[in-house]
Protein backbone atom coordinates (compact mmCIF):
# COMPACT_ATOMS: atom_id res chain seq x y z
CA MET A 1 -59.17 -5.77 -17.76
CA ARG A 2 -57.33 -2.81 -18.70
CA VAL A 3 -56.01 -0.21 -16.16
CA LEU A 4 -55.10 3.28 -17.02
CA GLN A 5 -53.41 5.05 -14.32
CA GLY A 6 -51.40 8.23 -13.59
CA HIS A 7 -49.91 10.14 -10.74
CA SER A 8 -48.54 13.88 -10.05
CA LEU A 9 -46.82 15.73 -7.48
CA GLU A 10 -47.83 19.12 -8.80
CA ILE A 11 -49.47 21.26 -6.50
CA ASN A 12 -51.37 23.10 -9.04
CA ALA A 13 -54.71 20.87 -9.88
CA GLU A 14 -54.70 21.57 -13.69
CA GLN A 15 -51.06 20.56 -14.08
CA ALA A 16 -51.68 17.56 -11.76
CA VAL A 17 -54.87 16.33 -14.04
CA GLU A 18 -52.79 16.90 -17.09
CA GLU A 19 -49.89 15.02 -15.91
CA ALA A 20 -51.88 12.06 -13.99
CA VAL A 21 -53.78 11.08 -17.23
CA ARG A 22 -51.39 11.77 -19.79
CA GLY A 23 -51.17 9.09 -23.01
CA TRP A 24 -54.65 7.62 -21.74
CA ASP A 25 -55.69 6.20 -25.23
CA ASP A 26 -59.25 5.06 -23.85
CA THR A 27 -62.05 6.47 -22.03
CA PRO A 28 -62.59 4.17 -18.91
CA GLU A 29 -65.97 2.87 -17.35
CA ILE A 30 -64.94 4.03 -14.17
CA ILE A 31 -62.60 6.66 -12.65
CA PHE A 32 -60.89 6.19 -9.32
CA ILE A 33 -59.36 9.49 -7.91
CA PHE A 34 -57.25 10.35 -4.62
CA SER A 35 -55.78 13.32 -3.93
CA SER A 36 -53.84 15.16 -1.07
CA THR A 37 -55.15 18.73 0.41
CA LYS A 38 -52.37 20.21 -1.84
CA GLN A 39 -54.52 20.29 -4.90
CA ASP A 40 -57.99 21.63 -5.17
CA PRO A 41 -60.42 18.91 -5.05
CA GLN A 42 -63.10 20.86 -7.05
CA VAL A 43 -61.12 22.00 -9.45
CA ILE A 44 -59.90 18.43 -10.46
CA ALA A 45 -63.46 17.06 -10.56
CA ASP A 46 -64.20 19.72 -12.78
CA LEU A 47 -61.20 18.67 -15.27
CA LEU A 48 -61.82 15.13 -15.36
CA ALA A 49 -65.38 15.66 -15.99
CA LYS A 50 -64.79 17.86 -19.13
CA LYS A 51 -61.96 15.12 -20.23
CA PHE A 52 -64.15 12.14 -19.89
CA PRO A 53 -68.08 13.42 -19.81
CA ASP A 54 -70.41 10.98 -17.86
CA VAL A 55 -67.50 8.38 -17.22
CA PRO A 56 -68.75 7.85 -13.19
CA MET A 57 -65.94 9.00 -10.98
CA ALA A 58 -65.51 8.53 -7.37
CA GLY A 59 -62.78 8.81 -4.36
CA CYS A 60 -62.08 11.44 -1.79
CA THR A 61 -59.07 13.53 -0.38
CA THR A 62 -56.04 11.82 1.34
CA SER A 63 -53.56 11.29 4.19
CA GLY A 64 -51.27 9.52 1.63
CA GLU A 65 -51.75 7.96 -1.74
CA HIS A 66 -50.63 4.65 -3.27
CA LEU A 67 -50.43 3.42 -7.00
CA SER A 68 -48.54 -0.07 -8.07
CA GLY A 69 -46.59 -0.24 -5.53
CA GLU A 70 -45.41 3.41 -4.54
CA HIS A 71 -46.15 5.20 -1.37
CA TYR A 72 -46.66 9.31 -2.00
CA ASN A 73 -47.62 12.21 0.04
CA GLY A 74 -49.04 15.27 -1.50
CA ALA A 75 -49.95 13.43 -4.66
CA LEU A 76 -52.77 13.11 -7.32
CA VAL A 77 -53.58 9.55 -7.73
CA ILE A 78 -56.02 8.53 -10.60
CA ALA A 79 -56.98 4.91 -12.17
CA GLY A 80 -59.40 4.52 -14.81
CA LEU A 81 -60.65 1.13 -15.39
CA CYS A 82 -61.39 -0.09 -18.77
CA ASP A 83 -62.91 -3.80 -20.17
CA THR A 84 -63.92 -4.93 -16.55
CA GLY A 85 -66.94 -7.23 -17.31
CA ILE A 86 -68.44 -5.03 -14.31
CA GLN A 87 -71.70 -2.68 -14.63
CA TRP A 88 -71.20 0.59 -12.51
CA GLN A 89 -73.66 2.64 -10.93
CA THR A 90 -72.73 5.68 -8.30
CA ALA A 91 -74.89 7.55 -5.86
CA LEU A 92 -73.76 10.65 -3.65
CA ILE A 93 -75.44 10.96 0.04
CA GLN A 94 -75.02 14.46 1.88
CA GLY A 95 -75.86 15.42 5.20
CA LEU A 96 -74.59 12.44 7.09
CA GLY A 97 -76.00 13.33 10.30
CA ASP A 98 -79.71 13.61 9.07
CA TYR A 99 -78.82 9.73 7.53
CA ASN A 100 -81.32 7.10 8.23
CA GLU A 101 -83.41 4.09 7.16
CA GLU A 102 -85.55 5.70 5.10
CA ARG A 103 -82.76 7.64 2.91
CA ALA A 104 -80.64 4.78 2.66
CA GLU A 105 -83.52 2.85 1.10
CA GLN A 106 -83.50 5.82 -1.17
CA THR A 107 -79.86 5.51 -1.76
CA ALA A 108 -80.19 1.96 -2.48
CA ASN A 109 -83.01 2.05 -4.83
CA GLU A 110 -81.28 4.79 -6.79
CA LEU A 111 -78.08 2.25 -7.28
CA PHE A 112 -80.87 -1.12 -7.80
CA ASP A 113 -82.80 1.25 -10.52
CA GLY A 114 -79.39 2.71 -11.98
CA LEU A 115 -78.16 -1.05 -12.78
CA GLY A 116 -82.13 -2.22 -13.50
CA VAL A 117 -82.37 -4.48 -10.83
CA ASP A 118 -84.94 -5.73 -8.99
CA SER A 119 -84.21 -5.64 -5.13
CA GLU A 120 -86.69 -8.04 -4.38
CA THR A 121 -85.18 -10.85 -6.92
CA LEU A 122 -81.57 -10.11 -6.48
CA GLU A 123 -78.66 -12.33 -5.85
CA PRO A 124 -76.25 -10.46 -3.52
CA HIS A 125 -73.03 -12.52 -4.44
CA ASN A 126 -73.49 -11.26 -7.96
CA PHE A 127 -72.78 -7.43 -6.30
CA PHE A 128 -70.61 -5.50 -4.47
CA CYS A 129 -70.80 -2.02 -3.15
CA LEU A 130 -67.85 0.83 -2.46
CA LEU A 131 -67.86 3.56 -0.21
CA PHE A 132 -65.80 6.86 0.00
CA ILE A 133 -66.95 8.90 3.18
CA ASP A 134 -66.01 12.03 4.80
CA GLY A 135 -63.45 11.20 7.76
CA LEU A 136 -64.26 13.96 10.02
CA CYS A 137 -68.02 13.39 10.40
CA MET A 138 -67.91 10.86 12.95
CA LYS A 139 -71.11 9.50 11.55
CA GLU A 140 -69.55 6.36 9.98
CA GLU A 141 -70.52 3.61 12.04
CA LYS A 142 -74.11 4.49 11.79
CA VAL A 143 -74.09 5.29 7.75
CA THR A 144 -72.15 2.07 7.48
CA ALA A 145 -74.31 -0.19 9.26
CA ILE A 146 -77.82 1.68 7.94
CA LEU A 147 -76.44 1.18 4.44
CA ALA A 148 -75.14 -2.07 4.48
CA ASP A 149 -78.64 -3.30 6.04
CA ALA A 150 -80.18 -1.46 2.78
CA ILE A 151 -78.15 -3.27 0.03
CA GLU A 152 -79.67 -6.53 1.55
CA GLY A 153 -76.67 -8.61 1.97
CA ILE A 154 -74.65 -7.16 -0.69
CA ALA A 155 -70.32 -7.10 0.37
CA LEU A 156 -69.67 -3.39 1.50
CA ALA A 157 -66.03 -2.24 1.37
CA GLY A 158 -64.58 1.30 1.85
CA GLY A 159 -62.72 4.16 3.67
CA SER A 160 -63.27 7.24 5.36
CA ALA A 161 -61.72 10.50 3.79
CA GLY A 162 -58.19 12.43 5.26
CA ASP A 163 -56.87 15.52 5.04
CA ASP A 164 -53.26 14.98 5.47
CA LEU A 165 -53.67 14.78 9.31
CA ALA A 166 -54.93 18.33 9.57
CA PHE A 167 -58.13 17.02 10.62
CA LYS A 168 -60.11 20.49 9.63
CA ARG A 169 -61.93 19.07 6.06
CA THR A 170 -62.09 15.89 4.02
CA GLU A 171 -64.18 15.60 0.79
CA VAL A 172 -65.54 12.84 -1.83
CA TYR A 173 -65.29 12.98 -5.28
CA TYR A 174 -68.54 12.03 -7.10
CA ASN A 175 -68.79 12.52 -10.75
CA GLY A 176 -67.66 16.14 -11.43
CA GLY A 177 -67.98 17.43 -7.72
CA SER A 178 -65.95 17.19 -4.63
CA TYR A 179 -68.41 17.09 -1.41
CA ASN A 180 -68.16 17.67 2.19
CA ASP A 181 -70.44 16.15 4.66
CA ALA A 182 -70.72 13.42 2.25
CA ALA A 183 -70.38 9.99 1.10
CA THR A 184 -69.56 8.14 -2.42
CA VAL A 185 -71.29 4.89 -3.11
CA VAL A 186 -70.50 2.66 -6.00
CA MET A 187 -72.38 -0.38 -6.77
CA GLY A 188 -70.75 -3.03 -9.03
CA LYS A 189 -73.09 -5.79 -10.67
CA LYS A 190 -70.66 -8.83 -11.90
CA ILE A 191 -71.09 -9.45 -15.47
CA ASN A 192 -68.32 -11.35 -16.08
CA ALA A 193 -65.84 -10.80 -13.65
CA ASN A 194 -64.81 -11.78 -10.01
CA VAL A 195 -64.19 -9.44 -7.00
CA GLN A 196 -62.95 -10.18 -3.66
CA ILE A 197 -62.72 -8.24 -0.35
CA VAL A 198 -59.68 -8.86 2.01
CA LYS A 199 -59.40 -7.95 5.42
CA HIS A 200 -55.96 -7.29 6.73
CA GLN A 201 -54.36 -6.56 9.71
CA HIS A 202 -51.00 -7.48 11.63
CA PHE A 203 -52.62 -7.91 15.22
CA VAL A 204 -53.92 -10.64 16.77
CA THR A 205 -55.79 -10.88 20.15
CA THR A 206 -54.04 -11.79 23.60
CA PRO A 207 -55.61 -12.66 26.77
CA ARG A 208 -55.58 -9.61 28.21
CA SER A 209 -59.15 -8.43 28.08
CA LEU A 210 -61.32 -4.90 29.44
CA VAL A 211 -64.87 -4.33 29.52
CA ILE A 212 -65.94 -0.58 28.92
CA THR A 213 -68.06 0.16 31.46
CA LYS A 214 -68.47 4.57 31.11
CA ALA A 215 -68.06 6.06 27.63
CA ASP A 216 -69.90 8.74 25.27
CA PRO A 217 -70.14 7.14 21.63
CA GLU A 218 -70.91 10.04 20.22
CA THR A 219 -67.27 11.53 20.89
CA ARG A 220 -65.82 7.67 20.90
CA THR A 221 -64.56 8.42 24.10
CA VAL A 222 -64.22 6.04 26.87
CA PHE A 223 -63.85 7.09 30.68
CA GLU A 224 -64.15 3.88 32.77
CA MET A 225 -62.85 0.42 31.82
CA ASP A 226 -63.37 -2.39 34.46
CA GLY A 227 -64.63 -0.10 36.67
CA TYR A 228 -61.55 2.04 36.95
CA PRO A 229 -60.43 5.60 34.62
CA ALA A 230 -59.81 4.17 31.37
CA ILE A 231 -56.13 5.12 31.57
CA GLU A 232 -55.36 3.20 34.82
CA ALA A 233 -57.11 0.02 33.06
CA TYR A 234 -55.24 -0.02 30.05
CA SER A 235 -51.92 0.95 31.39
CA ALA A 236 -52.63 -2.41 34.34
CA ALA A 237 -53.41 -4.63 31.24
CA LEU A 238 -50.38 -3.46 29.32
CA GLY A 239 -48.35 -4.01 32.50
CA VAL A 240 -46.70 -0.72 32.66
CA PRO A 241 -47.26 2.49 35.07
CA VAL A 242 -49.65 5.17 33.94
CA GLU A 243 -46.45 7.35 33.60
CA GLU A 244 -45.13 5.48 31.41
CA LEU A 245 -47.98 5.09 29.00
CA THR A 246 -46.77 6.96 25.65
CA ASP A 247 -48.54 7.59 22.65
CA GLU A 248 -46.19 5.13 20.84
CA LEU A 249 -47.10 2.65 23.19
CA SER A 250 -50.84 2.69 22.60
CA PHE A 251 -50.18 2.87 18.74
CA LEU A 252 -48.42 -0.42 18.65
CA HIS A 253 -50.90 -2.00 21.24
CA PRO A 254 -54.47 -1.01 20.59
CA VAL A 255 -57.27 -2.89 21.45
CA THR A 256 -59.98 -5.44 19.36
CA PHE A 257 -63.07 -6.63 19.53
CA SER A 258 -64.91 -9.91 18.38
CA CYS A 259 -67.75 -10.42 15.97
CA ASN A 260 -68.97 -13.19 14.14
CA ASP A 261 -65.32 -15.18 15.17
CA GLU A 262 -63.32 -12.05 13.40
CA ILE A 263 -61.62 -9.57 15.14
CA TYR A 264 -62.01 -5.73 14.63
CA VAL A 265 -59.24 -2.93 15.77
CA ARG A 266 -60.68 0.10 17.87
CA SER A 267 -57.46 2.28 17.86
CA ILE A 268 -56.85 4.73 20.35
CA GLN A 269 -56.58 8.43 19.05
CA LYS A 270 -55.82 10.24 22.19
CA LEU A 271 -54.90 9.96 26.04
CA ASN A 272 -56.78 12.40 27.75
CA GLU A 273 -55.44 14.29 30.59
CA ASP A 274 -58.77 13.49 32.48
CA GLY A 275 -58.08 9.76 32.31
CA SER A 276 -60.59 9.26 29.28
CA ILE A 277 -59.42 7.67 26.24
CA THR A 278 -60.92 8.90 22.84
CA PHE A 279 -60.61 6.38 20.00
CA TYR A 280 -60.50 6.74 16.17
CA CYS A 281 -63.89 4.09 16.21
CA GLY A 282 -66.84 3.47 17.32
CA ILE A 283 -67.13 2.45 21.02
CA GLU A 284 -69.94 1.62 23.34
CA GLU A 285 -70.58 0.39 27.16
CA GLY A 286 -70.44 -3.38 27.60
CA MET A 287 -67.92 -3.35 24.87
CA VAL A 288 -65.28 -6.09 25.52
CA LEU A 289 -61.88 -4.94 24.33
CA GLU A 290 -58.82 -7.45 24.29
CA ILE A 291 -55.14 -5.84 24.27
CA ALA A 292 -53.65 -6.21 20.84
CA GLY A 293 -50.28 -8.49 19.93
CA HIS A 294 -48.15 -6.93 17.05
CA LYS A 295 -47.25 -9.01 13.79
CA VAL A 296 -44.92 -7.93 11.46
CA MET A 297 -47.19 -6.02 8.96
CA LYS A 298 -45.16 -7.35 5.46
CA ASP A 299 -45.67 -11.27 6.44
CA ALA A 300 -49.21 -10.43 7.60
CA LEU A 301 -49.76 -8.57 4.43
CA VAL A 302 -48.02 -11.51 2.18
CA GLU A 303 -50.48 -14.02 3.96
CA ALA A 304 -53.56 -11.70 3.20
CA LEU A 305 -52.91 -11.54 -0.30
CA GLU A 306 -51.76 -15.17 -1.45
CA PRO A 307 -55.47 -16.26 -1.65
CA LEU A 308 -56.10 -13.67 -4.07
CA GLY A 309 -54.09 -15.08 -6.98
CA GLN A 310 -53.17 -12.70 -9.81
CA PRO A 311 -56.08 -10.08 -10.03
CA ASP A 312 -56.24 -7.52 -12.32
CA PHE A 313 -56.87 -4.59 -10.25
CA ILE A 314 -56.59 -3.87 -6.51
CA LEU A 315 -58.25 -0.89 -4.65
CA GLY A 316 -56.98 -0.28 -1.13
CA PHE A 317 -58.39 1.45 1.91
CA ASN A 318 -55.35 1.53 4.48
CA CYS A 319 -55.35 3.01 7.69
CA ILE A 320 -53.15 6.07 8.12
CA LEU A 321 -51.83 4.39 11.40
CA ARG A 322 -50.42 1.69 8.94
CA ALA A 323 -49.08 4.08 7.02
CA LEU A 324 -47.75 5.84 9.80
CA GLU A 325 -45.97 2.69 11.17
CA ALA A 326 -44.46 2.39 7.75
CA ASN A 327 -43.36 5.58 7.59
CA GLU A 328 -41.51 4.97 11.22
CA GLY A 329 -40.17 1.37 9.83
CA ASP A 330 -39.21 3.12 6.71
CA THR A 331 -41.11 -0.21 4.92
CA HIS A 332 -43.55 1.52 2.45
CA GLN A 333 -41.29 0.23 -0.29
CA GLN A 334 -41.20 -3.45 1.23
CA LEU A 335 -45.33 -3.30 1.06
CA GLY A 336 -44.99 -1.83 -2.28
CA LYS A 337 -43.00 -4.96 -3.38
CA VAL A 338 -45.67 -7.32 -2.25
CA PHE A 339 -48.23 -5.46 -3.67
CA ASN A 340 -46.21 -5.81 -7.15
CA GLY A 341 -45.69 -9.35 -6.38
CA CYS A 342 -49.74 -9.68 -6.78
CA THR A 343 -51.03 -7.37 -9.57
CA SER A 344 -49.97 -5.27 -12.07
CA ALA A 345 -52.11 -2.38 -10.97
CA MET A 346 -53.13 -0.97 -7.61
CA ILE A 347 -54.61 2.06 -6.65
CA GLY A 348 -55.57 3.29 -2.93
CA PHE A 349 -54.96 5.44 -0.08
CA ASP A 350 -54.33 6.13 3.70
CA THR A 351 -57.67 6.80 5.46
CA TYR A 352 -59.62 8.18 8.84
CA GLY A 353 -60.95 4.64 9.27
CA GLU A 354 -62.28 1.59 6.95
CA GLN A 355 -65.61 0.14 6.36
CA LEU A 356 -66.27 -3.47 5.94
CA ASN A 357 -69.61 -4.71 5.27
CA GLY A 358 -71.77 -3.21 8.61
CA LEU A 359 -68.63 -1.89 10.52
CA HIS A 360 -66.17 0.73 10.87
CA ILE A 361 -62.56 -0.03 11.83
CA ASN A 362 -58.99 0.74 12.42
CA GLN A 363 -55.75 0.08 11.58
CA THR A 364 -56.92 -2.62 8.48
CA LEU A 365 -56.19 -2.67 5.22
CA VAL A 366 -59.49 -3.39 3.25
CA ALA A 367 -58.64 -4.61 -0.31
CA VAL A 368 -60.87 -5.22 -3.22
CA ALA A 369 -59.48 -7.08 -6.24
CA PHE A 370 -61.01 -7.56 -9.78
CA GLN A 371 -60.36 -9.66 -12.21
CA HIS A 372 -61.87 -9.90 -15.45
CA ASN A 373 -62.97 -13.70 -16.30
CA ALA A 374 -61.60 -14.50 -19.71
């Protein structure tokens, strides 16, 4: 596999695209695009479609960009893949609030038809799926679960688009366009390639648990846990008085829930004045949550990437809260060295949430590693 890649910090979208793809000497099979809110996404999409007509493109706006060991804010980063050993197909989902099982079947059939696959006889392990979704729609749980069912056991990895923490508008790239309230789906058929998906987080469970007893799933707000106001119950589980509970403390101690012997993080977005807690991810009454313990991010990343060997390329969906923690600890360079020790080419972005199979999660890195079999 050969990876063409580039970046630019230019605000002017035309200049940014020109700089990012300068020196590309081949036409890629697929292009991944991640951009800050400083550049105009529609102009970027138009220019790349003109430069590389008929090449499928996918990506989104971000709250931070990654390219081969470097972390940026305010950049455009692009990677084009050549000689992948993969057959690619893309689809666009619009109007996420109305997405349902019937529309998910249509998405799946569009992808299967584009790959020339009979859904009745397909073998799921020969395929994979990538999802780039509006990060402010608050529909990630629903869309991810429905889509995961429709693609019949095919592994799914993805991330929610960002907007540099403005929380106003996020967009996804689909071929020659940029779309809001939408998701781009990429399906790959492995012809002569190996694709591995890794879920990495630097948290562990602790014996301190809480049960959600009153909540509004639509707004991801928890009003009561264990029958007490949410903030009181959470503070007690941490062993600190309510008046000493801060955003920094909740940032370092999110909660987790367990599913199929795996733990998944639910990050706290806001401690509300009425005693409730708003989360970045889906919650529901009856859910059992555990206070998370904290590990060193770099050490946990080394451990997570080690089984991958030396892949040709990694695509990373990295939670914005992980990026903020790296900012605070000035560890972006350390984390970049870990990636560079694993692969010669990596692109990714800081997300407003991550998707893995049918779940939407937080404070996690979902990484997809590609290797062209010789």
